[in-house]
């Protein structure tokens, strides 16, 4: 059985969602991201002292999106397609991590994650400007597509929508990014996503 170390109210949510999409049995090993992630026991599975981490038999992985790629590979198509589409999955996954998440987190920290007295409106605005620039790219790409690779949902959608979940759930102003918002709604209201969200939103 897949063991996911973390809590649903963390990046572990992404892995829970991926496991649900893949139809894989899993258990959550509760680890508090602030206090429990630095213990000697947890550092054996994630030496960065963060969550999530995954155990699949002898395989131990950290990094939520890498874990998701592994889970999708176990499920195979359509969640993890083959050929050129597999490369497109990698492209969008890396884009989520390197282009989208830094700006999304800059906005999030200064909009709702930090206590109000510690938020910097200038940093929130800078994060939003950076994220909007990436959403412009996504908005154009989604023209005529239901999902990132076309008509079928793949792990690329799970990974990118998982990165954008915080913005989606916390009243981000999507402005003219109507295709992006509709795509997020499709992704985050799938049955597997709803099961993962139930765990996160109850936490």
Protein backbone atom coordinates (compact mmCIF):
# COMPACT_ATOMS: atom_id res chain seq x y z
CA UNK A 1 0.00 0.00 0.00
CA UNK A 2 1.14 3.56 -0.75
CA UNK A 3 2.04 5.48 2.41
CA UNK A 4 1.74 9.27 2.17
CA UNK A 5 3.47 11.20 4.95
CA UNK A 6 1.88 14.56 5.71
CA UNK A 7 -1.58 16.00 6.25
CA UNK A 8 -4.35 16.79 3.77
CA UNK A 9 -4.02 20.51 4.61
CA UNK A 10 -0.60 20.69 2.97
CA UNK A 11 1.00 19.84 -0.36
CA UNK A 12 0.19 16.23 0.56
CA UNK A 13 -3.30 17.07 -0.73
CA UNK A 14 -1.91 16.90 -4.27
CA UNK A 15 -0.69 13.35 -3.71
CA UNK A 16 -3.95 12.25 -2.10
CA UNK A 17 -5.77 13.56 -5.16
CA UNK A 18 -3.37 11.77 -7.52
CA UNK A 19 -3.76 8.49 -5.62
CA UNK A 20 -7.54 8.86 -5.84
CA UNK A 21 -7.34 9.52 -9.60
CA UNK A 22 -5.04 6.51 -10.02
CA UNK A 23 -7.36 4.24 -8.02
CA UNK A 24 -4.50 3.21 -5.73
CA UNK A 25 -4.89 2.13 -2.13
CA UNK A 26 -3.08 4.48 0.22
CA UNK A 27 -2.78 5.44 3.83
CA UNK A 28 -1.93 8.82 5.30
CA UNK A 29 0.84 8.87 7.88
CA UNK A 30 0.06 12.06 9.83
CA UNK A 31 3.00 14.48 9.99
CA UNK A 32 2.52 18.06 11.07
CA UNK A 33 4.41 20.22 8.58
CA UNK A 34 5.49 22.72 11.23
CA UNK A 35 6.43 20.44 14.13
CA UNK A 36 6.66 16.83 13.02
CA UNK A 37 8.61 17.20 9.79
CA UNK A 38 11.94 17.77 11.56
CA UNK A 39 11.89 14.57 13.60
CA UNK A 40 14.58 11.96 13.00
CA UNK A 41 11.91 9.49 11.90
CA UNK A 42 10.46 11.80 9.26
CA UNK A 43 13.88 12.90 8.01
CA UNK A 44 14.44 9.31 6.92
CA UNK A 45 11.71 9.73 4.28
CA UNK A 46 12.16 13.42 3.54
CA UNK A 47 15.60 14.75 4.49
CA UNK A 48 14.41 18.27 3.65
CA UNK A 49 12.28 18.26 6.78
CA UNK A 50 9.11 18.96 4.80
CA UNK A 51 5.97 17.17 3.66
CA UNK A 52 4.97 15.19 1.74
CA UNK A 53 6.96 12.00 1.41
CA UNK A 54 5.85 8.70 -0.05
CA UNK A 55 6.72 5.07 0.56
CA UNK A 56 5.82 2.53 -2.10
CA UNK A 57 7.47 -0.69 -1.00
CA UNK A 58 11.21 -0.04 -1.04
CA UNK A 59 10.81 3.21 -3.00
CA UNK A 60 10.86 6.43 -0.98
CA UNK A 61 10.17 9.75 -2.71
CA UNK A 62 9.80 13.36 -1.69
CA UNK A 63 8.49 16.32 -3.76
CA UNK A 64 4.73 16.25 -4.28
CA UNK A 65 4.74 16.51 -8.06
CA UNK A 66 7.39 13.79 -8.46
CA UNK A 67 5.28 11.56 -6.23
CA UNK A 68 2.30 12.29 -8.46
CA UNK A 69 4.19 11.34 -11.60
CA UNK A 70 5.11 8.04 -9.96
CA UNK A 71 1.52 7.35 -8.94
CA UNK A 72 0.26 8.17 -12.43
CA UNK A 73 2.86 5.91 -14.02
CA UNK A 74 1.54 3.04 -11.91
CA UNK A 75 -1.95 3.71 -13.26
CA UNK A 76 -0.88 4.23 -16.87
CA UNK A 77 -3.07 5.84 -19.56
CA UNK A 78 -5.06 7.99 -19.61
CA UNK A 79 -3.75 9.45 -16.35
CA UNK A 80 -0.15 9.06 -17.55
CA UNK A 81 -0.16 8.94 -21.34
CA UNK A 82 2.62 7.50 -23.48
CA UNK A 83 4.79 8.90 -26.24
CA UNK A 84 4.92 12.62 -26.90
CA UNK A 85 2.09 13.25 -24.47
CA UNK A 86 4.23 11.86 -21.65
CA UNK A 87 6.74 14.60 -22.47
CA UNK A 88 3.95 17.17 -22.45
CA UNK A 89 2.96 15.96 -18.97
CA UNK A 90 6.53 16.61 -17.81
CA UNK A 91 6.53 20.05 -19.43
CA UNK A 92 3.35 21.19 -17.67
CA UNK A 93 4.41 19.63 -14.37
CA UNK A 94 7.73 21.46 -14.40
CA UNK A 95 5.99 24.65 -15.51
CA UNK A 96 3.67 24.35 -12.53
CA UNK A 97 6.63 24.06 -10.16
CA UNK A 98 9.01 26.61 -11.67
CA UNK A 99 6.75 29.24 -13.24
CA UNK A 100 3.40 29.12 -11.44
CA UNK A 101 4.03 28.10 -7.85
CA UNK A 102 6.58 30.79 -6.87
CA UNK A 103 4.23 33.59 -7.93
CA UNK A 104 1.16 31.85 -6.49
CA UNK A 105 2.88 31.43 -3.12
CA UNK A 106 4.11 35.04 -3.07
CA UNK A 107 0.50 36.12 -3.47
CA UNK A 108 -0.79 33.52 -0.98
CA UNK A 109 1.65 34.34 1.82
CA UNK A 110 0.71 38.00 1.62
CA UNK A 111 -3.02 37.51 1.06
CA UNK A 112 -4.18 34.81 3.48
CA UNK A 113 -1.44 32.49 4.81
CA UNK A 114 0.45 34.89 7.07
CA UNK A 115 -1.20 36.74 9.96
CA UNK A 116 -2.63 40.07 8.74
CA UNK A 117 0.06 42.12 10.48
CA UNK A 118 2.78 40.24 8.58
CA UNK A 119 1.30 40.61 5.10
CA UNK A 120 2.90 42.95 2.58
CA UNK A 121 0.38 44.34 0.09
CA UNK A 122 3.20 45.20 -2.33
CA UNK A 123 4.40 41.60 -2.30
CA UNK A 124 0.84 40.37 -2.77
CA UNK A 125 0.46 42.64 -5.81
CA UNK A 126 3.80 41.49 -7.22
CA UNK A 127 2.81 37.86 -6.78
CA UNK A 128 -0.51 38.46 -8.49
CA UNK A 129 1.17 40.24 -11.39
CA UNK A 130 3.58 37.34 -11.80
CA UNK A 131 0.82 34.75 -11.60
CA UNK A 132 -1.40 36.65 -14.01
CA UNK A 133 1.41 36.62 -16.58
CA UNK A 134 1.55 32.82 -16.34
CA UNK A 135 -2.23 32.57 -16.45
CA UNK A 136 -2.15 34.51 -19.72
CA UNK A 137 -0.11 31.65 -21.18
CA UNK A 138 -2.50 29.05 -19.78
CA UNK A 139 -5.58 30.96 -20.95
CA UNK A 140 -4.31 30.94 -24.52
CA UNK A 141 -3.30 27.28 -24.35
CA UNK A 142 -6.75 26.21 -23.15
CA UNK A 143 -8.48 27.67 -26.19
CA UNK A 144 -10.43 24.75 -27.66
CA UNK A 145 -9.24 22.32 -24.96
CA UNK A 146 -11.04 20.93 -21.93
CA UNK A 147 -7.75 19.82 -20.35
CA UNK A 148 -4.07 20.56 -20.82
CA UNK A 149 -3.43 17.78 -23.34
CA UNK A 150 -6.84 17.86 -24.99
CA UNK A 151 -10.10 16.07 -24.17
CA UNK A 152 -8.72 13.75 -21.46
CA UNK A 153 -7.72 14.61 -17.90
CA UNK A 154 -4.11 13.63 -17.13
CA UNK A 155 -1.73 13.94 -14.21
CA UNK A 156 -0.56 17.21 -15.77
CA UNK A 157 -3.98 18.68 -14.95
CA UNK A 158 -3.85 17.25 -11.44
CA UNK A 159 -0.39 18.71 -10.85
CA UNK A 160 -1.09 22.20 -12.16
CA UNK A 161 -4.57 22.44 -10.65
CA UNK A 162 -3.13 21.18 -7.36
CA UNK A 163 -0.61 24.03 -7.39
CA UNK A 164 -3.42 26.50 -8.09
CA UNK A 165 -5.82 25.04 -5.51
CA UNK A 166 -4.94 27.66 -2.87
CA UNK A 167 -5.72 30.53 -5.21
CA UNK A 168 -8.92 28.81 -6.39
CA UNK A 169 -10.10 28.24 -2.81
CA UNK A 170 -9.16 31.70 -1.51
CA UNK A 171 -10.94 34.16 -3.77
CA UNK A 172 -8.22 34.89 -6.29
CA UNK A 173 -9.32 37.49 -8.84
CA UNK A 174 -9.18 35.55 -12.09
CA UNK A 175 -9.96 38.67 -14.12
CA UNK A 176 -10.23 37.78 -17.79
CA UNK A 177 -8.87 34.25 -17.31
CA UNK A 178 -12.25 32.66 -17.88
CA UNK A 179 -10.93 29.50 -19.55
CA UNK A 180 -8.48 28.98 -16.68
CA UNK A 181 -11.25 29.31 -14.11
CA UNK A 182 -13.54 26.93 -16.02
CA UNK A 183 -10.68 24.41 -16.35
CA UNK A 184 -9.97 24.62 -12.61
CA UNK A 185 -13.64 24.10 -11.84
CA UNK A 186 -13.66 21.00 -14.05
CA UNK A 187 -10.53 19.60 -12.43
CA UNK A 188 -11.33 20.35 -8.81
CA UNK A 189 -14.89 19.04 -8.99
CA UNK A 190 -13.98 15.63 -10.38
CA UNK A 191 -15.05 12.76 -8.09
CA UNK A 192 -11.43 11.97 -7.10
CA UNK A 193 -10.73 15.65 -6.42
CA UNK A 194 -13.86 15.94 -4.30
CA UNK A 195 -12.74 12.98 -2.18
CA UNK A 196 -9.33 14.57 -1.65
CA UNK A 197 -10.86 17.98 -1.00
CA UNK A 198 -13.18 16.50 1.62
CA UNK A 199 -10.12 15.45 3.61
CA UNK A 200 -8.37 18.79 3.15
CA UNK A 201 -11.35 21.00 3.78
CA UNK A 202 -12.34 19.08 6.91
CA UNK A 203 -8.85 19.45 8.39
